[in-house]
Protein backbone atom coordinates (compact mmCIF):
# COMPACT_ATOMS: atom_id res chain seq x y z
CA MET A 1 -13.34 4.70 -20.52
CA HIS A 2 -12.25 4.21 -16.92
CA LYS A 3 -9.59 6.72 -15.96
CA ILE A 4 -6.86 6.31 -13.36
CA ILE A 5 -5.68 9.66 -12.02
CA ILE A 6 -2.30 9.57 -10.27
CA VAL A 7 -1.30 12.71 -8.35
CA ILE A 8 2.31 13.15 -7.23
CA ARG A 9 3.60 15.92 -4.98
CA GLN A 10 6.73 14.55 -3.25
CA THR A 11 9.85 13.11 -4.89
CA GLY A 12 9.56 10.03 -2.68
CA THR A 13 6.05 9.47 -3.97
CA ALA A 14 7.33 9.83 -7.52
CA ALA A 15 9.91 7.10 -6.93
CA ALA A 16 7.16 4.83 -5.56
CA PHE A 17 4.60 5.54 -8.27
CA ILE A 18 6.88 5.34 -11.34
CA PRO A 19 6.84 1.50 -11.42
CA VAL A 20 3.05 1.59 -10.97
CA ILE A 21 2.63 4.07 -13.84
CA ASN A 22 4.81 1.94 -16.11
CA ALA A 23 2.82 -1.20 -15.27
CA LEU A 24 -0.62 0.21 -16.16
CA LYS A 25 -2.32 0.75 -19.52
CA GLN A 26 -1.24 4.20 -20.62
CA GLU A 27 -4.52 5.04 -22.38
CA ASN A 28 -6.29 4.84 -19.02
CA LEU A 29 -3.80 7.03 -17.15
CA ILE A 30 -3.80 10.71 -16.28
CA VAL A 31 -0.68 11.66 -14.32
CA MET A 32 -0.46 15.04 -12.59
CA SER A 33 2.61 16.22 -10.74
CA TYR A 34 3.80 19.09 -8.61
CA TYR A 35 7.38 20.37 -8.70
CA PRO A 36 9.95 19.04 -7.76
CA ALA A 37 8.44 15.56 -8.14
CA SER A 38 7.90 16.38 -11.82
CA VAL A 39 11.68 16.33 -12.31
CA GLU A 40 11.69 12.59 -11.52
CA LEU A 41 8.95 11.94 -14.08
CA LEU A 42 10.86 13.84 -16.76
CA LYS A 43 13.89 11.60 -16.17
CA GLU A 44 11.68 8.57 -16.90
CA ASN A 45 10.02 10.12 -19.99
CA ILE A 46 6.59 9.87 -18.39
CA ASN A 47 3.80 12.03 -19.79
CA PHE A 48 2.17 14.22 -17.15
CA LEU A 49 0.42 17.51 -16.51
CA GLU A 50 2.46 19.81 -14.26
CA ILE A 51 0.38 21.62 -11.64
CA SER A 52 1.02 23.88 -8.68
CA SER A 53 -2.34 23.44 -6.94
CA PHE A 54 -5.54 21.44 -7.10
CA ASN A 55 -7.22 24.31 -8.95
CA ASP A 56 -4.78 23.88 -11.85
CA ALA A 57 -6.23 20.42 -12.41
CA LEU A 58 -9.91 21.40 -12.42
CA PRO A 59 -10.27 21.81 -16.21
CA THR A 60 -9.03 18.23 -16.67
CA LEU A 61 -11.02 16.85 -13.75
CA ASN A 62 -14.25 18.40 -14.97
CA ASP A 63 -14.03 16.25 -18.11
CA ILE A 64 -13.97 12.99 -16.14
CA ASP A 65 -17.18 10.93 -16.23
CA ARG A 66 -18.83 10.08 -12.93
CA ASN A 67 -18.28 6.54 -11.60
CA CYS A 68 -15.46 5.99 -14.11
CA CYS A 69 -12.39 7.04 -12.20
CA THR A 70 -9.88 5.88 -9.62
CA LEU A 71 -7.83 8.55 -7.85
CA ILE A 72 -4.42 7.64 -6.40
CA THR A 73 -2.43 10.28 -4.50
CA GLY A 74 0.50 10.53 -2.20
CA THR A 75 0.25 12.30 1.15
CA SER A 76 2.17 15.24 2.55
CA LEU A 77 2.13 18.08 5.04
CA TYR A 78 0.42 20.25 2.42
CA GLN A 79 -2.75 18.78 3.86
CA GLU A 80 -5.26 21.38 2.74
CA ASP A 81 -4.42 20.98 -0.92
CA ASP A 82 -4.23 17.18 -0.62
CA ALA A 83 -7.70 17.14 0.93
CA LEU A 84 -9.16 18.99 -2.05
CA TRP A 85 -8.36 15.96 -4.22
CA TRP A 86 -10.00 13.52 -1.85
CA GLY A 87 -13.00 15.83 -1.43
CA TRP A 88 -13.40 16.03 -5.21
CA ALA A 89 -13.33 12.24 -5.46
CA LYS A 90 -15.91 11.88 -2.69
CA GLU A 91 -18.21 14.49 -4.24
CA ASN A 92 -18.06 12.76 -7.63
CA THR A 93 -18.34 9.21 -6.24
CA HIS A 94 -14.87 8.20 -7.43
CA GLU A 95 -12.67 5.69 -5.65
CA SER A 96 -9.71 7.32 -3.90
CA PHE A 97 -6.50 5.91 -2.44
CA ALA A 98 -3.83 7.86 -0.55
CA PHE A 99 -0.34 6.43 -0.08
CA ILE A 100 1.85 7.11 2.99
CA ASP A 101 5.39 6.35 1.80
CA GLN A 102 7.21 7.07 5.07
CA TRP A 103 7.27 6.20 8.77
CA CYS A 104 6.34 9.59 10.16
CA ASN A 105 3.51 12.11 10.50
CA TYR A 106 0.86 9.44 10.01
CA ALA A 107 -2.28 11.22 11.22
CA ASP A 108 -0.83 14.69 10.55
CA ARG A 109 -1.38 14.09 6.84
CA PHE A 110 -5.14 14.05 7.44
CA MET A 111 -5.56 17.00 9.77
CA LYS A 112 -4.81 20.70 10.04
CA ASN A 113 -4.28 22.91 13.09
CA GLY A 114 -4.95 19.98 15.40
CA LYS A 115 -8.31 19.09 13.82
CA HIS A 116 -8.93 15.89 11.86
CA PHE A 117 -10.42 16.25 8.39
CA SER A 118 -14.10 15.40 8.09
CA GLU A 119 -15.12 12.31 6.15
CA GLU A 120 -15.95 14.50 3.14
CA ARG A 121 -12.24 15.41 2.90
CA MET A 122 -10.75 11.96 3.51
CA PRO A 123 -9.59 9.33 0.99
CA GLU A 124 -11.69 6.19 0.76
CA LYS A 125 -8.65 3.98 1.47
CA ILE A 126 -5.15 4.67 2.83
CA ILE A 127 -2.16 2.56 1.78
CA VAL A 128 0.79 2.20 4.16
CA ILE A 129 4.06 0.34 3.63
CA ASP A 130 3.94 -2.17 6.48
CA GLU A 131 1.95 -3.42 9.48
CA TYR A 132 3.96 -1.18 11.79
CA SER A 133 2.76 1.92 9.89
CA LYS A 134 -0.80 0.65 9.95
CA GLU A 135 -0.68 0.19 13.70
CA LYS A 136 0.75 3.69 14.21
CA LEU A 137 -1.83 5.33 11.93
CA LEU A 138 -4.77 3.59 13.64
CA LYS A 139 -3.38 4.59 17.03
CA GLU A 140 -3.01 8.24 16.03
CA ARG A 141 -6.36 8.42 14.24
CA ARG A 142 -8.62 6.36 16.47
CA ASN A 143 -11.85 6.90 14.53
CA LEU A 144 -10.36 5.39 11.36
CA SER A 145 -11.72 1.94 10.50
CA GLU A 146 -9.08 -0.77 10.18
CA HIS A 147 -10.52 -2.05 6.88
CA ARG A 148 -9.74 1.32 5.26
CA VAL A 149 -6.00 0.91 5.80
CA LEU A 150 -4.22 -1.34 3.28
CA VAL A 151 -0.64 -2.61 3.54
CA SER A 152 1.65 -2.67 0.51
CA PRO A 153 5.46 -2.27 0.49
CA THR A 154 6.79 0.67 -1.48
CA PRO A 155 7.06 -0.09 -5.23
CA THR A 156 10.26 1.98 -5.27
CA LEU A 157 12.18 -1.25 -4.69
CA ASP A 158 11.02 -2.55 -8.06
CA ARG A 159 12.15 0.62 -9.80
CA TRP A 160 15.76 -0.11 -8.90
CA HIS A 161 15.72 -3.28 -10.99
CA SER A 162 15.62 -1.17 -14.14
CA ILE A 163 19.03 0.32 -13.31
CA ASP A 164 21.68 -1.08 -15.63
CA ILE A 165 24.62 -2.64 -13.78
CA ASN A 166 26.94 -1.11 -16.38
CA ASP A 167 25.66 2.34 -15.40
CA ILE A 168 26.46 1.54 -11.76
CA ASN A 169 29.98 0.43 -12.60
CA GLN A 170 30.60 3.52 -14.72
CA LEU A 171 29.33 5.83 -11.97
CA SER A 172 31.37 4.01 -9.33
CA ASN A 173 34.53 4.32 -11.43
CA LYS A 174 33.86 7.99 -12.09
CA LEU A 175 33.41 8.79 -8.41
CA ARG A 176 36.41 6.78 -7.17
CA ASP A 177 39.84 8.33 -7.62
CA ASP A 178 41.39 4.87 -7.34
CA LYS A 179 40.61 1.36 -6.10
CA THR A 180 41.24 2.34 -2.48
CA THR A 181 38.58 5.07 -2.46
CA ILE A 182 35.74 4.45 0.01
CA LEU A 183 32.48 6.12 -1.04
CA ILE A 184 30.10 7.35 1.67
CA LEU A 185 26.78 8.75 0.44
CA TYR A 186 25.23 11.34 2.76
CA VAL A 187 21.52 11.80 1.99
CA CYS A 188 20.43 15.30 2.96
CA GLU A 189 16.97 16.16 4.21
CA PRO A 190 15.48 19.64 4.46
CA SER A 191 14.55 21.09 7.80
CA HIS A 192 11.01 22.43 8.21
CA LYS A 193 12.43 25.97 7.84
CA LEU A 194 13.91 25.12 4.47
CA ARG A 195 10.56 23.89 3.18
CA GLN A 196 9.26 27.43 3.68
CA ASP A 197 12.42 29.36 2.77
CA PRO A 198 15.07 27.95 0.37
CA THR A 199 17.73 30.19 1.91
CA ALA A 200 17.14 28.87 5.45
CA LEU A 201 18.78 25.94 7.22
CA LEU A 202 20.17 23.39 4.77
CA ASP A 203 19.69 20.31 6.86
CA PHE A 204 19.26 19.05 10.41
CA ASN A 205 22.37 20.60 12.05
CA PHE A 206 24.15 20.08 8.76
CA GLU A 207 27.52 21.59 9.66
CA GLU A 208 27.73 19.80 13.03
CA ARG A 209 26.90 16.49 11.38
CA LEU A 210 29.62 17.00 8.78
CA LYS A 211 32.20 17.67 11.51
CA THR A 212 31.35 14.37 13.16
CA LEU A 213 31.23 12.57 9.84
CA HIS A 214 34.57 14.05 8.83
CA LEU A 215 36.29 12.71 11.97
CA ALA A 216 34.71 9.29 11.48
CA ALA A 217 35.75 9.28 7.82
CA GLU A 218 39.35 10.16 8.74
CA LYS A 219 39.49 7.20 11.11
CA LEU A 220 37.97 4.92 8.48
CA ALA A 221 40.59 6.07 5.97
CA GLN A 222 43.45 5.47 8.41
CA ASP A 223 42.19 2.02 9.40
CA ASN A 224 41.91 0.93 5.77
CA ASN A 225 44.97 2.72 4.35
CA ALA A 226 42.63 4.49 1.93
CA HIS A 227 40.88 7.78 1.46
CA VAL A 228 37.20 8.55 1.79
CA LYS A 229 35.03 10.51 -0.56
CA LEU A 230 31.92 11.97 1.07
CA LEU A 231 29.19 12.29 -1.53
CA ILE A 232 26.67 14.94 -0.46
CA LYS A 233 23.28 14.30 -2.09
CA PRO A 234 20.98 17.35 -1.67
CA HIS A 235 17.24 16.91 -1.32
CA PRO A 236 15.47 18.08 -4.51
CA ILE A 237 14.12 21.20 -2.81
CA GLN A 238 17.57 22.20 -1.57
CA GLU A 239 19.70 24.49 -3.68
CA THR A 240 22.98 22.84 -4.61
CA ARG A 241 24.84 26.14 -4.75
CA ASN A 242 24.26 26.64 -1.02
CA PHE A 243 26.00 23.39 -0.20
CA LYS A 244 29.22 24.37 -1.92
CA HIS A 245 29.63 27.20 0.58
CA SER A 246 28.75 24.95 3.55
CA LEU A 247 31.06 22.02 2.90
CA PRO A 248 34.35 21.79 4.85
CA LYS A 249 37.60 21.88 2.92
CA SER A 250 38.70 18.55 1.52
CA THR A 251 41.86 16.98 2.95
CA ASN A 252 44.21 14.27 1.72
CA GLN A 253 42.11 11.65 3.47
CA VAL A 254 38.59 13.05 3.17
CA ILE A 255 37.25 14.56 -0.05
CA TYR A 256 33.84 16.26 -0.38
CA GLN A 257 31.74 16.18 -3.53
CA THR A 258 28.16 17.30 -4.15
CA VAL A 259 26.30 14.82 -6.37
CA ASN A 260 23.01 15.02 -8.25
CA GLU A 261 22.88 11.69 -10.05
CA ASP A 262 19.91 9.34 -9.64
CA SER A 263 19.53 8.36 -5.97
CA GLY A 264 19.24 4.65 -6.73
CA LYS A 265 22.41 4.65 -8.80
CA LEU A 266 24.29 6.54 -6.10
CA VAL A 267 23.22 4.09 -3.42
CA LEU A 268 24.30 1.11 -5.51
CA ALA A 269 27.64 2.76 -6.33
CA ALA A 270 28.42 3.74 -2.73
CA ASP A 271 29.96 1.62 0.01
CA ILE A 272 28.04 3.18 2.90
CA VAL A 273 24.82 5.25 3.07
CA ILE A 274 24.09 7.74 5.86
CA GLY A 275 21.07 10.00 6.39
CA HIS A 276 18.45 11.04 8.90
CA HIS A 277 14.88 9.85 8.20
CA SER A 278 15.01 9.40 4.42
CA ILE A 279 13.24 6.32 3.07
CA LEU A 280 16.27 5.93 0.84
CA LEU A 281 18.03 4.47 3.89
CA TYR A 282 15.42 1.74 4.20
CA GLU A 283 15.57 0.99 0.48
CA SER A 284 19.37 0.77 0.51
CA THR A 285 19.27 -1.95 3.18
CA HIS A 286 17.35 -4.14 0.72
CA TRP A 287 20.44 -4.11 -1.47
CA GLY A 288 22.76 -5.13 1.34
CA LYS A 289 24.22 -1.66 1.72
CA PRO A 290 25.45 -0.69 5.20
CA SER A 291 22.97 2.07 6.05
CA PHE A 292 22.94 4.39 9.06
CA CYS A 293 20.31 6.66 10.55
CA PHE A 294 22.31 9.57 12.00
CA LEU A 295 20.46 10.89 15.06
CA GLU A 296 21.05 13.91 17.21
CA ASN A 297 22.32 13.08 20.71
CA GLY A 298 19.31 12.12 22.81
CA GLU A 299 16.95 12.00 19.83
CA GLU A 300 14.26 9.34 20.08
CA THR A 301 14.67 6.34 17.78
CA PRO A 302 12.58 7.11 14.66
CA ASP A 303 10.00 4.69 13.31
CA ILE A 304 12.05 4.00 10.18
CA VAL A 305 14.65 2.29 12.39
CA LYS A 306 12.00 0.42 14.38
CA ALA A 307 10.47 -0.83 11.13
CA SER A 308 13.76 -2.13 9.73
CA ASN A 309 15.92 -4.85 11.27
CA LYS A 310 18.91 -3.80 9.15
CA LEU A 311 19.05 -0.01 9.49
CA GLN A 312 21.56 0.98 12.18
CA LYS A 313 21.06 4.09 14.30
CA VAL A 314 24.16 6.12 15.19
CA ASP A 315 24.84 9.47 16.83
CA HIS A 316 27.74 11.91 17.28
CA HIS A 317 29.31 9.70 19.96
CA ASN A 318 29.42 6.34 18.19
CA LEU A 319 29.46 7.06 14.45
CA ALA A 320 33.22 6.52 14.13
CA HIS A 321 32.95 3.11 15.81
CA PHE A 322 30.19 1.79 13.57
CA LEU A 323 31.71 3.07 10.33
CA ARG A 324 34.58 0.64 10.80
CA ILE A 325 32.34 -2.41 10.79
CA PRO A 326 30.37 -2.67 7.51
CA LEU A 327 33.18 -2.79 4.95
CA LYS A 328 34.02 -6.36 5.96
CA SER A 329 30.75 -7.60 4.49
CA SER A 330 28.63 -5.81 1.91
CA LYS A 331 26.52 -8.60 0.40
CA LYS A 332 23.90 -7.48 -2.08
CA GLU A 333 20.41 -8.87 -1.68
CA ARG A 334 18.15 -8.75 -4.68
CA PRO A 335 14.43 -8.47 -3.92
CA THR A 336 12.13 -10.45 -6.21
CA TYR A 337 11.44 -8.19 -9.16
CA GLY A 338 7.88 -7.09 -9.87
CA ILE A 339 6.11 -8.60 -6.89
CA ILE A 340 5.85 -5.34 -4.94
CA THR A 341 4.37 -3.29 -7.78
CA LYS A 342 1.91 -6.09 -8.58
CA LYS A 343 0.77 -6.22 -4.94
CA PHE A 344 0.22 -2.46 -4.93
CA ILE A 345 -1.94 -2.72 -8.06
CA ASP A 346 -3.85 -5.67 -6.56
CA ASN A 347 -4.62 -3.57 -3.48
CA ILE A 348 -6.31 -0.87 -5.53
CA ASN A 349 -8.23 -3.34 -7.72
CA LEU A 350 -6.68 -2.26 -11.02
CA ASN A 351 -5.74 -5.69 -12.38
CA ASP A 352 -7.84 -5.07 -15.50
CA TYR A 353 -5.40 -2.31 -16.46
CA PHE A 354 -2.19 -4.14 -15.57
CA THR A 355 0.17 -4.65 -18.54
CA GLY A 356 3.14 -6.20 -16.78
CA ILE A 357 6.30 -5.00 -15.08
CA GLN A 358 8.43 -2.84 -17.35
């Protein structure tokens, strides 16, 4: 029997692959996941093998027949371990696909210490989320053939359709103290230090950003005769208990609250979404949510902003000005359900195992 092995390391990859997993024949699937991505799979009641390295998977991989397997992985900056998967697929003549689910570190995912991986350690095909990403990847990795890079939007957008509108309303009502409450979701992202040490920096200049955001929120509250609740959503690898000591004191106009509910539900319940480079910002624009990429002063415009015509970049100087604008119009746009996941499956030639969008 043909087996489809799906390997998930990052939480963003989990969000993208969950609709794909649900749309494929389960008897053909082997899902393996690293922590903390495994937490997302548990929430969806998906069967998987939890691993901490490629070597953990070897007993399962050794049972796979030659020429009867398709390997689908995410990509990350844990390049050496990622490359072991692609090398195994190459050695055993299996098809392999690697998905880049973000607009950053394109070529870095396929190199280490400044050296590109050899062909023996590369995936057969690379999937990116738009033509812009494809162009950037080919520019950064010049010896990569164009036909090896496929374009498919992130299936995460389809996952959001499974969220019950009643759940959104209940969450919104729970978070709002009254009808005048304005909800701002701040999506945290770990600094590179934090990825190595959970006690290190919480976020990109986290405390300075909150000072700026606090002042902007106060002005927003005054202009709308309301109060603002700032919902702080930690990244899965960040320890929530650290945030409680880092948050400013709430005031009558600005209230702080750490939240750990599903990211999609929080975006749909909020009025405004702010972050740094998180793909959640891009996804929230598809639902008509005012979404802002909060840059450091002088920071170069990131590719996620260049790739989206709806994501607004702001900095410490102009955040307060732009936060006054979106509340006048917050129209929800509903992407066509199922098309994105189906296109992803078409790209990897797995139509024979497609069961429909769940």
